[in-house]
Amino acid sequence: MSWMRRMFIAALALWAGSALSQGKCEDPRVLKFSLVPTQDTVRELTYYKPILDQLQKNTGKRIEFYMPTSYSSVVEALLGKWVDVAVLGPESYVIARKQEPTIEVFGTYSRLKNGIQEAGPGYKSVLITKKGSRFTDVASLKGAVLALVDPASTSGALVPEHVFPKATNTPALKDYFSRVVFSGGHDLGAIAVMEGKADAAFVASHRFMETVNAGKVKQEDFNYLWFSPLIPQDPFVLRNTLCEDVKKKIIDTFMAVDKTEDGRKYLANVKSEKVVRMSDSDYNVVRDVQRR
């Protein structure tokens, strides 16, 4: 066999391998979007409408919404390929990534200063009690009723269970409080404290301020007994088995959200100034907490 023929066969094999590899990527006709449930998932979905409309225009694909029932249901939908693009909580992202490395974070929003919420792409877990109650410091909470959010919530469960006890020299939550319950939402935790159904609650600083901004509670009606270290904001993720051009269009759409009038309306609704790039390593702080 001549060297030219060998070169031709080698080149053909390389092209065929490349074509086969390209053929393995996913190019669905419909892109499915979801987000972890919040105090008002339907309302929050309307916030994303400008992005999803632009995403449909940029990709030429129909966009469908997958209604979640819990944090874990969004993760399961990603793992089962029922969802292609999603907004997760930091811990639910880490859990999903551990189970399926093809789930890739690409960005998050950078928030504006808003009450107890600091500016930037991070937030904090906050321990709140009702102002005027006897619960004015951590010591006064011994034997009290505590509300967490959801077992898969970073600020509403993971950080309280692993960081708070070490930072405050208290035993495990279940040993320090008389009862620990799950409220099912950051707003519900704040409302439970306000109505006296729980003595204290851990909530995310930004979710708490959303509850305040919605008129459900007043910021001045609470004591703020503890703030956690900074936690990265909710990650925007996609399944990286999608074809490269599809992934690029998704990422570019989110990154350019502050460049359009409708996009700026979305950012105003979530009290943010822009979307910024994030990588998997940005969420190592969550993994470090899990290892404690």
C-alpha atoms as a PDB file:
ATOM      1  CA  MET A   1       0.000   0.000   0.000  1.00  0.00           C
ATOM      2  CA  SER A   2       1.444   3.362  -1.022  1.00  0.00           C
ATOM      3  CA  TRP A   3       2.095   6.049   1.579  1.00  0.00           C
ATOM      4  CA  MET A   4      -0.440   8.322  -0.146  1.00  0.00           C
ATOM      5  CA  ARG A   5      -3.119   5.657   0.174  1.00  0.00           C
ATOM      6  CA  ARG A   6      -2.217   5.122   3.834  1.00  0.00           C
ATOM      7  CA  MET A   7      -2.451   8.872   4.460  1.00  0.00           C
ATOM      8  CA  PHE A   8      -5.840   8.990   2.728  1.00  0.00           C
ATOM      9  CA  ILE A   9      -7.201   6.094   4.817  1.00  0.00           C
ATOM     10  CA  ALA A  10      -5.867   7.662   8.012  1.00  0.00           C
ATOM     11  CA  ALA A  11      -7.474  11.004   7.145  1.00  0.00           C
ATOM     12  CA  LEU A  12     -10.748   9.264   6.299  1.00  0.00           C
ATOM     13  CA  ALA A  13     -10.703   7.428   9.638  1.00  0.00           C
ATOM     14  CA  LEU A  14     -10.011  10.687  11.487  1.00  0.00           C
ATOM     15  CA  TRP A  15     -12.899  12.414   9.708  1.00  0.00           C
ATOM     16  CA  ALA A  16     -15.224   9.483  10.385  1.00  0.00           C
ATOM     17  CA  GLY A  17     -14.271   9.475  14.085  1.00  0.00           C
ATOM     18  CA  SER A  18     -14.878  13.194  14.292  1.00  0.00           C
ATOM     19  CA  ALA A  19     -18.223  12.882  12.547  1.00  0.00           C
ATOM     20  CA  LEU A  20     -19.214  10.050  14.866  1.00  0.00           C
ATOM     21  CA  SER A  21     -18.220  12.129  17.876  1.00  0.00           C
ATOM     22  CA  GLN A  22     -20.238  15.068  16.569  1.00  0.00           C
ATOM     23  CA  GLY A  23     -23.169  12.766  15.980  1.00  0.00           C
ATOM     24  CA  LYS A  24     -23.231  11.852  19.669  1.00  0.00           C
ATOM     25  CA  CYS A  25     -24.071  15.364  20.799  1.00  0.00           C
ATOM     26  CA  GLU A  26     -27.725  16.224  21.399  1.00  0.00           C
ATOM     27  CA  ASP A  27     -29.620  18.732  19.283  1.00  0.00           C
ATOM     28  CA  PRO A  28     -33.215  18.547  20.576  1.00  0.00           C
ATOM     29  CA  ARG A  29     -36.046  20.335  18.812  1.00  0.00           C
ATOM     30  CA  VAL A  30     -37.350  21.512  22.193  1.00  0.00           C
ATOM     31  CA  LEU A  31     -35.283  22.889  25.074  1.00  0.00           C
ATOM     32  CA  LYS A  32     -36.785  22.240  28.499  1.00  0.00           C
ATOM     33  CA  PHE A  33     -36.170  24.719  31.321  1.00  0.00           C
ATOM     34  CA  SER A  34     -36.767  24.419  35.066  1.00  0.00           C
ATOM     35  CA  LEU A  35     -35.787  26.037  38.356  1.00  0.00           C
ATOM     36  CA  VAL A  36     -35.773  25.013  41.996  1.00  0.00           C
ATOM     37  CA  PRO A  37     -39.118  25.867  43.620  1.00  0.00           C
ATOM     38  CA  THR A  38     -39.349  29.178  45.450  1.00  0.00           C
ATOM     39  CA  GLN A  39     -41.993  30.979  47.451  1.00  0.00           C
ATOM     40  CA  ASP A  40     -43.742  31.764  44.166  1.00  0.00           C
ATOM     41  CA  THR A  41     -42.413  29.586  41.372  1.00  0.00           C
ATOM     42  CA  VAL A  42     -45.016  30.708  38.837  1.00  0.00           C
ATOM     43  CA  ARG A  43     -44.247  34.386  39.485  1.00  0.00           C
ATOM     44  CA  GLU A  44     -40.503  33.749  39.299  1.00  0.00           C
ATOM     45  CA  LEU A  45     -40.967  31.944  35.998  1.00  0.00           C
ATOM     46  CA  THR A  46     -42.506  35.144  34.587  1.00  0.00           C
ATOM     47  CA  TYR A  47     -39.246  36.889  35.522  1.00  0.00           C
ATOM     48  CA  TYR A  48     -37.384  34.491  33.230  1.00  0.00           C
ATOM     49  CA  LYS A  49     -39.763  35.004  30.313  1.00  0.00           C
ATOM     50  CA  PRO A  50     -37.562  37.676  28.595  1.00  0.00           C
ATOM     51  CA  ILE A  51     -34.578  35.302  28.744  1.00  0.00           C
ATOM     52  CA  LEU A  52     -36.586  32.312  27.548  1.00  0.00           C
ATOM     53  CA  ASP A  53     -38.135  34.335  24.719  1.00  0.00           C
ATOM     54  CA  GLN A  54     -34.663  35.441  23.641  1.00  0.00           C
ATOM     55  CA  LEU A  55     -33.371  31.886  24.005  1.00  0.00           C
ATOM     56  CA  GLN A  56     -36.114  30.644  21.691  1.00  0.00           C
ATOM     57  CA  LYS A  57     -35.198  33.329  19.160  1.00  0.00           C
ATOM     58  CA  ASN A  58     -31.440  32.657  19.376  1.00  0.00           C
ATOM     59  CA  THR A  59     -31.669  28.861  19.178  1.00  0.00           C
ATOM     60  CA  GLY A  60     -34.694  28.535  16.901  1.00  0.00           C
ATOM     61  CA  LYS A  61     -36.076  25.948  19.349  1.00  0.00           C
ATOM     62  CA  ARG A  62     -39.313  25.863  21.285  1.00  0.00           C
ATOM     63  CA  ILE A  63     -38.820  26.372  25.023  1.00  0.00           C
ATOM     64  CA  GLU A  64     -40.912  24.362  27.464  1.00  0.00           C
ATOM     65  CA  PHE A  65     -41.089  24.672  31.264  1.00  0.00           C
ATOM     66  CA  TYR A  66     -40.847  21.710  33.615  1.00  0.00           C
ATOM     67  CA  MET A  67     -42.786  22.476  36.824  1.00  0.00           C
ATOM     68  CA  PRO A  68     -40.791  21.266  39.854  1.00  0.00           C
ATOM     69  CA  THR A  69     -42.219  19.853  43.067  1.00  0.00           C
ATOM     70  CA  SER A  70     -38.987  19.997  45.094  1.00  0.00           C
ATOM     71  CA  TYR A  71     -35.272  20.740  44.778  1.00  0.00           C
ATOM     72  CA  SER A  72     -34.603  17.053  44.098  1.00  0.00           C
ATOM     73  CA  SER A  73     -37.230  16.856  41.347  1.00  0.00           C
ATOM     74  CA  VAL A  74     -35.247  19.352  39.243  1.00  0.00           C
ATOM     75  CA  VAL A  75     -32.061  17.343  39.751  1.00  0.00           C
ATOM     76  CA  GLU A  76     -33.871  14.131  38.797  1.00  0.00           C
ATOM     77  CA  ALA A  77     -35.235  15.840  35.677  1.00  0.00           C
ATOM     78  CA  LEU A  78     -31.716  16.850  34.624  1.00  0.00           C
ATOM     79  CA  LEU A  79     -30.397  13.353  35.278  1.00  0.00           C
ATOM     80  CA  GLY A  80     -33.273  11.849  33.317  1.00  0.00           C
ATOM     81  CA  LYS A  81     -32.763  14.309  30.425  1.00  0.00           C
ATOM     82  CA  TRP A  82     -36.262  15.730  30.894  1.00  0.00           C
ATOM     83  CA  VAL A  83     -34.670  19.146  31.470  1.00  0.00           C
ATOM     84  CA  ASP A  84     -31.839  20.751  29.481  1.00  0.00           C
ATOM     85  CA  VAL A  85     -31.326  24.111  31.206  1.00  0.00           C
ATOM     86  CA  ALA A  86     -32.062  24.877  34.846  1.00  0.00           C
ATOM     87  CA  VAL A  87     -31.531  27.142  37.815  1.00  0.00           C
ATOM     88  CA  LEU A  88     -30.467  25.085  40.843  1.00  0.00           C
ATOM     89  CA  GLY A  89     -29.565  25.809  44.451  1.00  0.00           C
ATOM     90  CA  PRO A  90     -25.827  25.575  45.217  1.00  0.00           C
ATOM     91  CA  GLU A  91     -26.140  22.300  47.143  1.00  0.00           C
ATOM     92  CA  SER A  92     -28.564  20.745  44.684  1.00  0.00           C
ATOM     93  CA  TYR A  93     -26.051  21.592  41.933  1.00  0.00           C
ATOM     94  CA  VAL A  94     -23.206  19.901  43.822  1.00  0.00           C
ATOM     95  CA  ILE A  95     -25.391  16.836  44.410  1.00  0.00           C
ATOM     96  CA  ALA A  96     -26.387  16.721  40.744  1.00  0.00           C
ATOM     97  CA  ARG A  97     -22.823  17.218  39.515  1.00  0.00           C
ATOM     98  CA  LYS A  98     -21.576  14.376  41.717  1.00  0.00           C
ATOM     99  CA  GLN A  99     -24.180  12.033  40.230  1.00  0.00           C
ATOM    100  CA  GLU A 100     -23.793  13.243  36.654  1.00  0.00           C
ATOM    101  CA  PRO A 101     -20.642  15.141  35.532  1.00  0.00           C
ATOM    102  CA  THR A 102     -22.397  16.206  32.318  1.00  0.00           C
ATOM    103  CA  ILE A 103     -24.358  18.798  34.330  1.00  0.00           C
ATOM    104  CA  GLU A 104     -22.356  21.979  33.834  1.00  0.00           C
ATOM    105  CA  VAL A 105     -22.653  25.342  35.586  1.00  0.00           C
ATOM    106  CA  PHE A 106     -22.126  28.376  33.354  1.00  0.00           C
ATOM    107  CA  GLY A 107     -23.339  31.440  35.250  1.00  0.00           C
ATOM    108  CA  THR A 108     -25.336  33.162  37.953  1.00  0.00           C
ATOM    109  CA  TYR A 109     -26.717  36.615  38.629  1.00  0.00           C
ATOM    110  CA  SER A 110     -24.772  39.341  40.400  1.00  0.00           C
ATOM    111  CA  ARG A 111     -27.171  40.957  42.851  1.00  0.00           C
ATOM    112  CA  LEU A 112     -27.601  44.566  43.858  1.00  0.00           C
ATOM    113  CA  LYS A 113     -27.447  45.607  47.505  1.00  0.00           C
ATOM    114  CA  ASN A 114     -30.960  45.049  48.928  1.00  0.00           C
ATOM    115  CA  GLY A 115     -31.533  45.247  52.676  1.00  0.00           C
ATOM    116  CA  ILE A 116     -29.602  42.409  54.327  1.00  0.00           C
ATOM    117  CA  GLN A 117     -28.562  41.077  50.900  1.00  0.00           C
ATOM    118  CA  GLU A 118     -25.065  42.225  49.904  1.00  0.00           C
ATOM    119  CA  ALA A 119     -24.070  43.197  46.357  1.00  0.00           C
ATOM    120  CA  GLY A 120     -22.379  40.538  44.186  1.00  0.00           C
ATOM    121  CA  PRO A 121     -22.780  36.896  43.078  1.00  0.00           C
ATOM    122  CA  GLY A 122     -23.226  35.551  46.599  1.00  0.00           C
ATOM    123  CA  TYR A 123     -25.621  35.440  49.551  1.00  0.00           C
ATOM    124  CA  LYS A 124     -25.704  34.302  53.176  1.00  0.00           C
ATOM    125  CA  SER A 125     -27.662  32.007  55.426  1.00  0.00           C
ATOM    126  CA  VAL A 126     -29.310  34.092  58.140  1.00  0.00           C
ATOM    127  CA  LEU A 127     -30.769  33.052  61.493  1.00  0.00           C
ATOM    128  CA  ILE A 128     -33.850  35.145  62.227  1.00  0.00           C
ATOM    129  CA  THR A 129     -36.175  35.540  65.211  1.00  0.00           C
ATOM    130  CA  LYS A 130     -39.153  37.812  65.846  1.00  0.00           C
ATOM    131  CA  LYS A 131     -38.310  41.214  67.242  1.00  0.00           C
ATOM    132  CA  GLY A 132     -39.888  41.653  70.669  1.00  0.00           C
ATOM    133  CA  SER A 133     -39.611  37.944  71.474  1.00  0.00           C
ATOM    134  CA  ARG A 134     -37.290  36.583  74.145  1.00  0.00           C
ATOM    135  CA  PHE A 135     -35.055  35.118  71.446  1.00  0.00           C
ATOM    136  CA  THR A 136     -32.435  37.840  71.179  1.00  0.00           C
ATOM    137  CA  ASP A 137     -29.251  35.779  70.945  1.00  0.00           C
ATOM    138  CA  VAL A 138     -28.157  32.234  70.143  1.00  0.00           C
ATOM    139  CA  ALA A 139     -28.040  31.210  73.812  1.00  0.00           C
ATOM    140  CA  SER A 140     -31.711  32.135  74.270  1.00  0.00           C
ATOM    141  CA  LEU A 141     -32.696  29.664  71.526  1.00  0.00           C
ATOM    142  CA  LYS A 142     -31.764  26.531  73.482  1.00  0.00           C
ATOM    143  CA  GLY A 143     -34.867  24.325  73.522  1.00  0.00           C
ATOM    144  CA  ALA A 144     -36.688  26.483  70.944  1.00  0.00           C
ATOM    145  CA  VAL A 145     -38.460  25.391  67.749  1.00  0.00           C
ATOM    146  CA  LEU A 146     -36.354  25.898  64.612  1.00  0.00           C
ATOM    147  CA  ALA A 147     -37.554  26.011  61.007  1.00  0.00           C
ATOM    148  CA  LEU A 148     -35.257  24.900  58.198  1.00  0.00           C
ATOM    149  CA  VAL A 149     -36.277  25.164  54.530  1.00  0.00           C
ATOM    150  CA  ASP A 150     -35.687  21.921  52.625  1.00  0.00           C
ATOM    151  CA  PRO A 151     -33.185  19.076  53.135  1.00  0.00           C
ATOM    152  CA  ALA A 152     -31.506  20.032  49.831  1.00  0.00           C
ATOM    153  CA  SER A 153     -31.384  23.774  50.567  1.00  0.00           C
ATOM    154  CA  THR A 154     -27.866  25.154  50.991  1.00  0.00           C
ATOM    155  CA  SER A 155     -28.692  28.144  53.187  1.00  0.00           C
ATOM    156  CA  GLY A 156     -31.814  26.592  54.663  1.00  0.00           C
ATOM    157  CA  ALA A 157     -30.334  23.243  55.776  1.00  0.00           C
ATOM    158  CA  LEU A 158     -26.731  22.415  54.788  1.00  0.00           C
ATOM    159  CA  VAL A 159     -25.047  25.510  56.231  1.00  0.00           C
ATOM    160  CA  PRO A 160     -27.199  25.585  59.384  1.00  0.00           C
ATOM    161  CA  GLU A 161     -26.490  21.923  60.085  1.00  0.00           C
ATOM    162  CA  HIS A 162     -22.747  21.946  59.376  1.00  0.00           C
ATOM    163  CA  VAL A 163     -21.414  25.488  59.767  1.00  0.00           C
ATOM    164  CA  PHE A 164     -23.612  27.110  62.415  1.00  0.00           C
ATOM    165  CA  PRO A 165     -22.853  24.626  65.253  1.00  0.00           C
ATOM    166  CA  LYS A 166     -19.085  24.927  64.774  1.00  0.00           C
ATOM    167  CA  ALA A 167     -19.182  28.702  64.415  1.00  0.00           C
ATOM    168  CA  THR A 168     -21.263  29.184  67.565  1.00  0.00           C
ATOM    169  CA  ASN A 169     -19.944  26.313  69.723  1.00  0.00           C
ATOM    170  CA  THR A 170     -23.389  24.758  69.911  1.00  0.00           C
ATOM    171  CA  PRO A 171     -24.240  21.046  69.668  1.00  0.00           C
ATOM    172  CA  ALA A 172     -25.959  19.617  66.598  1.00  0.00           C
ATOM    173  CA  LEU A 173     -29.205  21.397  65.773  1.00  0.00           C
ATOM    174  CA  LYS A 174     -31.349  18.420  66.780  1.00  0.00           C
ATOM    175  CA  ASP A 175     -29.675  18.405  70.203  1.00  0.00           C
ATOM    176  CA  TYR A 176     -29.822  22.167  70.738  1.00  0.00           C
ATOM    177  CA  PHE A 177     -33.392  22.862  69.613  1.00  0.00           C
ATOM    178  CA  SER A 178     -36.438  21.086  71.023  1.00  0.00           C
ATOM    179  CA  ARG A 179     -37.806  20.554  67.517  1.00  0.00           C
ATOM    180  CA  VAL A 180     -36.515  21.085  63.973  1.00  0.00           C
ATOM    181  CA  VAL A 181     -39.080  21.311  61.175  1.00  0.00           C
ATOM    182  CA  PHE A 182     -38.982  22.003  57.435  1.00  0.00           C
ATOM    183  CA  SER A 183     -41.047  24.960  56.249  1.00  0.00           C
ATOM    184  CA  GLY A 184     -40.811  24.172  52.523  1.00  0.00           C
ATOM    185  CA  GLY A 185     -39.786  27.714  51.555  1.00  0.00           C
ATOM    186  CA  HIS A 186     -37.690  30.657  52.734  1.00  0.00           C
ATOM    187  CA  ASP A 187     -40.783  32.858  52.800  1.00  0.00           C
ATOM    188  CA  LEU A 188     -42.714  30.227  54.760  1.00  0.00           C
ATOM    189  CA  GLY A 189     -39.919  30.070  57.319  1.00  0.00           C
ATOM    190  CA  ALA A 190     -39.981  33.844  57.810  1.00  0.00           C
ATOM    191  CA  ILE A 191     -43.783  33.861  58.022  1.00  0.00           C
ATOM    192  CA  ALA A 192     -43.736  30.988  60.554  1.00  0.00           C
ATOM    193  CA  VAL A 193     -41.439  33.040  62.795  1.00  0.00           C
ATOM    194  CA  MET A 194     -43.608  36.134  62.340  1.00  0.00           C
ATOM    195  CA  GLU A 195     -46.765  34.199  63.261  1.00  0.00           C
ATOM    196  CA  GLY A 196     -45.162  32.443  66.233  1.00  0.00           C
ATOM    197  CA  LYS A 197     -45.335  28.982  64.661  1.00  0.00           C
ATOM    198  CA  ALA A 198     -41.538  28.707  64.899  1.00  0.00           C
ATOM    199  CA  ASP A 199     -39.187  30.510  67.261  1.00  0.00           C
ATOM    200  CA  ALA A 200     -36.394  30.878  64.731  1.00  0.00           C
ATOM    201  CA  ALA A 201     -35.607  30.087  61.099  1.00  0.00           C
ATOM    202  CA  PHE A 202     -32.649  29.916  58.766  1.00  0.00           C
ATOM    203  CA  VAL A 203     -33.298  31.701  55.471  1.00  0.00           C
ATOM    204  CA  ALA A 204     -31.254  32.904  52.500  1.00  0.00           C
ATOM    205  CA  SER A 205     -30.563  36.641  52.632  1.00  0.00           C
ATOM    206  CA  HIS A 206     -31.836  37.214  49.071  1.00  0.00           C
ATOM    207  CA  ARG A 207     -34.911  35.002  49.469  1.00  0.00           C
ATOM    208  CA  PHE A 208     -35.759  36.764  52.716  1.00  0.00           C
ATOM    209  CA  MET A 209     -35.547  40.140  50.991  1.00  0.00           C
ATOM    210  CA  GLU A 210     -37.813  38.849  48.205  1.00  0.00           C
ATOM    211  CA  THR A 211     -40.341  38.025  50.922  1.00  0.00           C
ATOM    212  CA  VAL A 212     -39.935  41.540  52.326  1.00  0.00           C
ATOM    213  CA  ASN A 213     -40.246  43.136  48.887  1.00  0.00           C
ATOM    214  CA  ALA A 214     -43.415  41.127  48.246  1.00  0.00           C
ATOM    215  CA  GLY A 215     -44.942  42.701  51.357  1.00  0.00           C
ATOM    216  CA  LYS A 216     -45.287  39.399  53.224  1.00  0.00           C
ATOM    217  CA  VAL A 217     -43.105  40.488  56.161  1.00  0.00           C
ATOM    218  CA  LYS A 218     -41.221  43.614  57.259  1.00  0.00           C
ATOM    219  CA  GLN A 219     -37.448  43.687  57.594  1.00  0.00           C
ATOM    220  CA  GLU A 220     -37.618  45.681  60.826  1.00  0.00           C
ATOM    221  CA  ASP A 221     -39.785  43.034  62.529  1.00  0.00           C
ATOM    222  CA  PHE A 222     -36.907  40.560  62.882  1.00  0.00           C
ATOM    223  CA  ASN A 223     -33.703  40.018  64.831  1.00  0.00           C
ATOM    224  CA  TYR A 224     -30.711  38.800  62.819  1.00  0.00           C
ATOM    225  CA  LEU A 225     -28.705  36.595  65.141  1.00  0.00           C
ATOM    226  CA  TRP A 226     -26.147  35.014  62.789  1.00  0.00           C
ATOM    227  CA  PHE A 227     -24.854  35.379  59.238  1.00  0.00           C
ATOM    228  CA  SER A 228     -22.944  32.626  57.463  1.00  0.00           C
ATOM    229  CA  PRO A 229     -19.875  33.062  55.261  1.00  0.00           C
ATOM    230  CA  LEU A 230     -20.656  34.005  51.651  1.00  0.00           C
ATOM    231  CA  ILE A 231     -22.339  31.309  49.516  1.00  0.00           C
ATOM    232  CA  PRO A 232     -22.270  31.493  45.682  1.00  0.00           C
ATOM    233  CA  GLN A 233     -25.602  32.390  44.095  1.00  0.00           C
ATOM    234  CA  ASP A 234     -27.930  29.867  42.476  1.00  0.00           C
ATOM    235  CA  PRO A 235     -26.121  28.334  39.482  1.00  0.00           C
ATOM    236  CA  PHE A 236     -27.465  28.372  35.927  1.00  0.00           C
ATOM    237  CA  VAL A 237     -26.714  24.937  34.494  1.00  0.00           C
ATOM    238  CA  LEU A 238     -27.080  22.977  31.270  1.00  0.00           C
ATOM    239  CA  ARG A 239     -26.448  19.441  30.134  1.00  0.00           C
ATOM    240  CA  ASN A 240     -23.103  19.563  28.340  1.00  0.00           C
ATOM    241  CA  THR A 241     -24.090  16.646  26.107  1.00  0.00           C
ATOM    242  CA  LEU A 242     -25.924  19.260  24.031  1.00  0.00           C
ATOM    243  CA  CYS A 243     -24.178  20.183  20.787  1.00  0.00           C
ATOM    244  CA  GLU A 244     -21.562  22.918  21.068  1.00  0.00           C
ATOM    245  CA  ASP A 245     -23.474  25.480  19.016  1.00  0.00           C
ATOM    246  CA  VAL A 246     -26.584  24.937  21.147  1.00  0.00           C
ATOM    247  CA  LYS A 247     -24.602  25.337  24.368  1.00  0.00           C
ATOM    248  CA  LYS A 248     -22.952  28.504  23.063  1.00  0.00           C
ATOM    249  CA  LYS A 249     -26.292  30.048  22.157  1.00  0.00           C
ATOM    250  CA  ILE A 250     -27.686  29.223  25.614  1.00  0.00           C
ATOM    251  CA  ILE A 251     -24.696  30.699  27.428  1.00  0.00           C
ATOM    252  CA  ASP A 252     -24.503  33.779  25.191  1.00  0.00           C
ATOM    253  CA  THR A 253     -28.213  34.456  25.743  1.00  0.00           C
ATOM    254  CA  PHE A 254     -27.847  34.494  29.517  1.00  0.00           C
ATOM    255  CA  MET A 255     -24.611  36.494  29.466  1.00  0.00           C
ATOM    256  CA  ALA A 256     -26.183  39.229  27.322  1.00  0.00           C
ATOM    257  CA  VAL A 257     -29.338  39.620  29.405  1.00  0.00           C
ATOM    258  CA  ASP A 258     -28.337  43.119  30.545  1.00  0.00           C
ATOM    259  CA  LYS A 259     -28.046  44.287  26.917  1.00  0.00           C
ATOM    260  CA  THR A 260     -31.801  44.342  26.176  1.00  0.00           C
ATOM    261  CA  GLU A 261     -34.664  46.280  27.716  1.00  0.00           C
ATOM    262  CA  ASP A 262     -36.636  43.123  28.530  1.00  0.00           C
ATOM    263  CA  GLY A 263     -33.529  41.526  29.981  1.00  0.00           C
ATOM    264  CA  ARG A 264     -32.942  44.508  32.234  1.00  0.00           C
ATOM    265  CA  LYS A 265     -36.528  44.141  33.455  1.00  0.00           C
ATOM    266  CA  TYR A 266     -35.701  40.565  34.460  1.00  0.00           C
ATOM    267  CA  LEU A 267     -32.602  41.756  36.308  1.00  0.00           C
ATOM    268  CA  ALA A 268     -34.625  44.446  38.071  1.00  0.00           C
ATOM    269  CA  ASN A 269     -37.162  41.830  39.178  1.00  0.00           C
ATOM    270  CA  VAL A 270     -34.425  39.694  40.770  1.00  0.00           C
ATOM    271  CA  LYS A 271     -32.588  42.767  42.153  1.00  0.00           C
ATOM    272  CA  SER A 272     -29.495  42.086  40.064  1.00  0.00           C
ATOM    273  CA  GLU A 273     -27.299  44.063  37.676  1.00  0.00           C
ATOM    274  CA  LYS A 274     -25.970  41.371  35.338  1.00  0.00           C
ATOM    275  CA  VAL A 275     -25.301  37.673  34.797  1.00  0.00           C
ATOM    276  CA  VAL A 276     -21.690  36.570  35.371  1.00  0.00           C
ATOM    277  CA  ARG A 277     -19.777  33.442  34.377  1.00  0.00           C
ATOM    278  CA  MET A 278     -19.310  30.762  37.021  1.00  0.00           C
ATOM    279  CA  SER A 279     -17.376  27.507  36.997  1.00  0.00           C
ATOM    280  CA  ASP A 280     -17.616  24.269  38.935  1.00  0.00           C
ATOM    281  CA  SER A 281     -14.750  25.281  41.247  1.00  0.00           C
ATOM    282  CA  ASP A 282     -16.744  28.306  42.449  1.00  0.00           C
ATOM    283  CA  TYR A 283     -18.978  25.844  44.307  1.00  0.00           C
ATOM    284  CA  ASN A 284     -16.135  24.117  46.166  1.00  0.00           C
ATOM    285  CA  VAL A 285     -17.159  26.143  49.223  1.00  0.00           C
ATOM    286  CA  VAL A 286     -20.347  24.046  49.287  1.00  0.00           C
ATOM    287  CA  ARG A 287     -18.351  20.829  48.956  1.00  0.00           C
ATOM    288  CA  ASP A 288     -16.121  21.953  51.831  1.00  0.00           C
ATOM    289  CA  VAL A 289     -19.193  22.426  54.014  1.00  0.00           C
ATOM    290  CA  GLN A 290     -20.479  18.971  53.066  1.00  0.00           C
ATOM    291  CA  ARG A 291     -17.202  17.413  54.202  1.00  0.00           C
ATOM    292  CA  ARG A 292     -17.344  18.958  57.677  1.00  0.00           C
END
